[in-house]
Amino acid sequence: MKLRTHLSADGLFGLIRKGFEEINDFRSSSRGIVLTDALMSAFAMFSLKDQM
C-alpha cells in the first residue's frame, strides 16, 4: 500500500521547507538566521493571518 505522506500537514510543510532550501542566500556571511528559517517564519505568519 502506497502511503500519502505529502497530504499531511507535516508533509506539506516539509515540501515548503525543501523549496525554501533551494533559494540562494545572497546576504553577507555574518547573518544570524538561516534564510530557510526566516522564510518558514514568514510563511507561518502568513498562514496565521489567513485564519483570521
PDB file of N, CA and C in Angstrom:
ATOM      1  N   MET A   1       0.847  -1.188   0.000  1.00  0.00           N
ATOM      2  CA  MET A   1       0.000   0.000   0.000  1.00  0.00           C
ATOM      3  C   MET A   1       0.890   1.247   0.000  1.00  0.00           C
ATOM      4  N   LYS A   2       0.607   2.151  -0.890  1.00  0.00           N
ATOM      5  CA  LYS A   2       1.387   3.384  -1.010  1.00  0.00           C
ATOM      6  C   LYS A   2       0.826   4.438  -0.048  1.00  0.00           C
ATOM      7  N   LEU A   3       1.677   4.957   0.810  1.00  0.00           N
ATOM      8  CA  LEU A   3       1.247   5.973   1.771  1.00  0.00           C
ATOM      9  C   LEU A   3       1.293   7.356   1.139  1.00  0.00           C
ATOM     10  N   ARG A   4       0.383   8.199   1.534  1.00  0.00           N
ATOM     11  CA  ARG A   4       0.331   9.577   1.020  1.00  0.00           C
ATOM     12  C   ARG A   4       0.817  10.533   2.098  1.00  0.00           C
ATOM     13  N   THR A   5       2.087  10.482   2.371  1.00  0.00           N
ATOM     14  CA  THR A   5       2.634  11.319   3.445  1.00  0.00           C
ATOM     15  C   THR A   5       2.644  12.789   3.079  1.00  0.00           C
ATOM     16  N   HIS A   6       2.596  13.106   1.783  1.00  0.00           N
ATOM     17  CA  HIS A   6       2.630  14.514   1.379  1.00  0.00           C
ATOM     18  C   HIS A   6       1.282  15.205   1.598  1.00  0.00           C
ATOM     19  N   LEU A   7       0.247  14.445   1.953  1.00  0.00           N
ATOM     20  CA  LEU A   7      -1.061  15.057   2.174  1.00  0.00           C
ATOM     21  C   LEU A   7      -1.269  15.488   3.628  1.00  0.00           C
ATOM     22  N   SER A   8      -0.344  15.157   4.491  1.00  0.00           N
ATOM     23  CA  SER A   8      -0.442  15.588   5.884  1.00  0.00           C
ATOM     24  C   SER A   8       0.163  16.985   6.021  1.00  0.00           C
ATOM     25  N   ALA A   9      -0.129  17.637   7.137  1.00  0.00           N
ATOM     26  CA  ALA A   9       0.436  18.973   7.370  1.00  0.00           C
ATOM     27  C   ALA A   9       1.959  18.900   7.438  1.00  0.00           C
ATOM     28  N   ASP A  10       2.481  17.881   8.130  1.00  0.00           N
ATOM     29  CA  ASP A  10       3.938  17.743   8.232  1.00  0.00           C
ATOM     30  C   ASP A  10       4.562  17.538   6.855  1.00  0.00           C
ATOM     31  N   GLY A  11       3.921  16.752   6.020  1.00  0.00           N
ATOM     32  CA  GLY A  11       4.434  16.515   4.675  1.00  0.00           C
ATOM     33  C   GLY A  11       4.430  17.772   3.828  1.00  0.00           C
ATOM     34  N   LEU A  12       3.350  18.545   3.925  1.00  0.00           N
ATOM     35  CA  LEU A  12       3.268  19.792   3.156  1.00  0.00           C
ATOM     36  C   LEU A  12       4.288  20.814   3.642  1.00  0.00           C
ATOM     37  N   PHE A  13       4.473  20.912   4.959  1.00  0.00           N
ATOM     38  CA  PHE A  13       5.473  21.834   5.489  1.00  0.00           C
ATOM     39  C   PHE A  13       6.876  21.400   5.063  1.00  0.00           C
ATOM     40  N   GLY A  14       7.096  20.108   4.977  1.00  0.00           N
ATOM     41  CA  GLY A  14       8.387  19.603   4.504  1.00  0.00           C
ATOM     42  C   GLY A  14       8.650  19.997   3.059  1.00  0.00           C
ATOM     43  N   LEU A  15       7.599  19.919   2.222  1.00  0.00           N
ATOM     44  CA  LEU A  15       7.745  20.334   0.825  1.00  0.00           C
ATOM     45  C   LEU A  15       8.046  21.828   0.715  1.00  0.00           C
ATOM     46  N   ILE A  16       7.393  22.616   1.553  1.00  0.00           N
ATOM     47  CA  ILE A  16       7.639  24.060   1.550  1.00  0.00           C
ATOM     48  C   ILE A  16       9.080  24.337   1.976  1.00  0.00           C
ATOM     49  N   ARG A  17       9.530  23.661   3.033  1.00  0.00           N
ATOM     50  CA  ARG A  17      10.905  23.848   3.502  1.00  0.00           C
ATOM     51  C   ARG A  17      11.915  23.450   2.421  1.00  0.00           C
ATOM     52  N   LYS A  18      11.658  22.345   1.728  1.00  0.00           N
ATOM     53  CA  LYS A  18      12.553  21.922   0.643  1.00  0.00           C
ATOM     54  C   LYS A  18      12.649  23.006  -0.431  1.00  0.00           C
ATOM     55  N   GLY A  19      11.517  23.610  -0.776  1.00  0.00           N
ATOM     56  CA  GLY A  19      11.518  24.678  -1.765  1.00  0.00           C
ATOM     57  C   GLY A  19      12.300  25.887  -1.294  1.00  0.00           C
ATOM     58  N   PHE A  20      12.144  26.235  -0.019  1.00  0.00           N
ATOM     59  CA  PHE A  20      12.877  27.370   0.536  1.00  0.00           C
ATOM     60  C   PHE A  20      14.378  27.091   0.580  1.00  0.00           C
ATOM     61  N   GLU A  21      14.766  25.831   0.814  1.00  0.00           N
ATOM     62  CA  GLU A  21      16.185  25.485   0.877  1.00  0.00           C
ATOM     63  C   GLU A  21      16.873  25.647  -0.472  1.00  0.00           C
ATOM     64  N   GLU A  22      16.121  25.640  -1.556  1.00  0.00           N
ATOM     65  CA  GLU A  22      16.698  25.790  -2.890  1.00  0.00           C
ATOM     66  C   GLU A  22      16.978  27.240  -3.264  1.00  0.00           C
ATOM     67  N   ILE A  23      16.502  28.184  -2.472  1.00  0.00           N
ATOM     68  CA  ILE A  23      16.711  29.607  -2.750  1.00  0.00           C
ATOM     69  C   ILE A  23      18.105  29.996  -2.277  1.00  0.00           C
ATOM     70  N   ASN A  24      18.879  30.598  -3.156  1.00  0.00           N
ATOM     71  CA  ASN A  24      20.231  31.046  -2.803  1.00  0.00           C
ATOM     72  C   ASN A  24      20.163  32.242  -1.865  1.00  0.00           C
ATOM     73  N   ASP A  25      21.034  32.229  -0.865  1.00  0.00           N
ATOM     74  CA  ASP A  25      21.104  33.309   0.119  1.00  0.00           C
ATOM     75  C   ASP A  25      22.266  34.222  -0.252  1.00  0.00           C
ATOM     76  N   PHE A  26      21.961  35.419  -0.720  1.00  0.00           N
ATOM     77  CA  PHE A  26      22.985  36.357  -1.166  1.00  0.00           C
ATOM     78  C   PHE A  26      23.340  37.388  -0.098  1.00  0.00           C
ATOM     79  N   ARG A  27      22.880  37.171   1.136  1.00  0.00           N
ATOM     80  CA  ARG A  27      23.203  38.105   2.213  1.00  0.00           C
ATOM     81  C   ARG A  27      24.662  37.948   2.627  1.00  0.00           C
ATOM     82  N   SER A  28      25.144  38.880   3.431  1.00  0.00           N
ATOM     83  CA  SER A  28      26.534  38.808   3.884  1.00  0.00           C
ATOM     84  C   SER A  28      26.746  37.566   4.756  1.00  0.00           C
ATOM     85  N   SER A  29      27.975  37.175   4.902  1.00  0.00           N
ATOM     86  CA  SER A  29      28.286  35.948   5.643  1.00  0.00           C
ATOM     87  C   SER A  29      28.056  36.087   7.145  1.00  0.00           C
ATOM     88  N   SER A  30      27.838  37.290   7.641  1.00  0.00           N
ATOM     89  CA  SER A  30      27.634  37.491   9.081  1.00  0.00           C
ATOM     90  C   SER A  30      26.156  37.442   9.458  1.00  0.00           C
ATOM     91  N   ARG A  31      25.403  36.648   8.741  1.00  0.00           N
ATOM     92  CA  ARG A  31      23.973  36.544   9.017  1.00  0.00           C
ATOM     93  C   ARG A  31      23.744  35.769  10.313  1.00  0.00           C
ATOM     94  N   GLY A  32      22.694  36.112  11.006  1.00  0.00           N
ATOM     95  CA  GLY A  32      22.390  35.452  12.270  1.00  0.00           C
ATOM     96  C   GLY A  32      21.352  34.353  12.131  1.00  0.00           C
ATOM     97  N   ILE A  33      20.495  34.454  11.128  1.00  0.00           N
ATOM     98  CA  ILE A  33      19.409  33.489  10.935  1.00  0.00           C
ATOM     99  C   ILE A  33      19.522  32.909   9.534  1.00  0.00           C
ATOM    100  N   VAL A  34      19.387  31.611   9.441  1.00  0.00           N
ATOM    101  CA  VAL A  34      19.421  30.933   8.143  1.00  0.00           C
ATOM    102  C   VAL A  34      18.193  31.382   7.332  1.00  0.00           C
ATOM    103  N   LEU A  35      18.391  31.622   6.044  1.00  0.00           N
ATOM    104  CA  LEU A  35      17.310  32.119   5.190  1.00  0.00           C
ATOM    105  C   LEU A  35      16.101  31.186   5.210  1.00  0.00           C
ATOM    106  N   THR A  36      16.319  29.888   5.196  1.00  0.00           N
ATOM    107  CA  THR A  36      15.209  28.930   5.216  1.00  0.00           C
ATOM    108  C   THR A  36      14.356  29.119   6.465  1.00  0.00           C
ATOM    109  N   ASP A  37      14.994  29.317   7.612  1.00  0.00           N
ATOM    110  CA  ASP A  37      14.253  29.527   8.858  1.00  0.00           C
ATOM    111  C   ASP A  37      13.474  30.836   8.825  1.00  0.00           C
ATOM    112  N   ALA A  38      14.070  31.884   8.262  1.00  0.00           N
ATOM    113  CA  ALA A  38      13.374  33.170   8.155  1.00  0.00           C
ATOM    114  C   ALA A  38      12.156  33.048   7.242  1.00  0.00           C
ATOM    115  N   LEU A  39      12.299  32.329   6.135  1.00  0.00           N
ATOM    116  CA  LEU A  39      11.181  32.151   5.217  1.00  0.00           C
ATOM    117  C   LEU A  39      10.091  31.283   5.824  1.00  0.00           C
ATOM    118  N   MET A  40      10.466  30.261   6.593  1.00  0.00           N
ATOM    119  CA  MET A  40       9.462  29.435   7.269  1.00  0.00           C
ATOM    120  C   MET A  40       8.699  30.264   8.305  1.00  0.00           C
ATOM    121  N   SER A  41       9.383  31.171   8.989  1.00  0.00           N
ATOM    122  CA  SER A  41       8.724  32.058   9.945  1.00  0.00           C
ATOM    123  C   SER A  41       7.743  32.979   9.239  1.00  0.00           C
ATOM    124  N   ALA A  42       8.154  33.512   8.090  1.00  0.00           N
ATOM    125  CA  ALA A  42       7.266  34.380   7.320  1.00  0.00           C
ATOM    126  C   ALA A  42       6.058  33.596   6.826  1.00  0.00           C
ATOM    127  N   PHE A  43       6.265  32.374   6.392  1.00  0.00           N
ATOM    128  CA  PHE A  43       5.154  31.533   5.959  1.00  0.00           C
ATOM    129  C   PHE A  43       4.188  31.264   7.115  1.00  0.00           C
ATOM    130  N   ALA A  44       4.725  31.023   8.310  1.00  0.00           N
ATOM    131  CA  ALA A  44       3.884  30.791   9.481  1.00  0.00           C
ATOM    132  C   ALA A  44       3.016  32.015   9.770  1.00  0.00           C
ATOM    133  N   MET A  45       3.611  33.196   9.711  1.00  0.00           N
ATOM    134  CA  MET A  45       2.846  34.421   9.960  1.00  0.00           C
ATOM    135  C   MET A  45       1.774  34.615   8.895  1.00  0.00           C
ATOM    136  N   PHE A  46       2.112  34.334   7.652  1.00  0.00           N
ATOM    137  CA  PHE A  46       1.137  34.463   6.572  1.00  0.00           C
ATOM    138  C   PHE A  46      -0.015  33.489   6.766  1.00  0.00           C
ATOM    139  N   SER A  47       0.290  32.251   7.124  1.00  0.00           N
ATOM    140  CA  SER A  47      -0.775  31.265   7.281  1.00  0.00           C
ATOM    141  C   SER A  47      -1.640  31.575   8.492  1.00  0.00           C
ATOM    142  N   LEU A  48      -1.050  32.126   9.546  1.00  0.00           N
ATOM    143  CA  LEU A  48      -1.849  32.519  10.717  1.00  0.00           C
ATOM    144  C   LEU A  48      -2.757  33.708  10.378  1.00  0.00           C
ATOM    145  N   LYS A  49      -2.248  34.630   9.592  1.00  0.00           N
ATOM    146  CA  LYS A  49      -3.032  35.796   9.182  1.00  0.00           C
ATOM    147  C   LYS A  49      -4.237  35.348   8.353  1.00  0.00           C
ATOM    148  N   ASP A  50      -4.047  34.334   7.538  1.00  0.00           N
ATOM    149  CA  ASP A  50      -5.107  33.841   6.685  1.00  0.00           C
ATOM    150  C   ASP A  50      -6.257  33.234   7.482  1.00  0.00           C
ATOM    151  N   GLN A  51      -6.004  32.783   8.693  1.00  0.00           N
ATOM    152  CA  GLN A  51      -7.016  32.127   9.513  1.00  0.00           C
ATOM    153  C   GLN A  51      -7.961  33.119  10.181  1.00  0.00           C
ATOM    154  N   MET A  52      -7.591  34.377  10.240  1.00  0.00           N
ATOM    155  CA  MET A  52      -8.419  35.353  10.955  1.00  0.00           C
ATOM    156  C   MET A  52      -9.482  35.947  10.099  1.00  0.00           C
TER     157      MET A  52
END
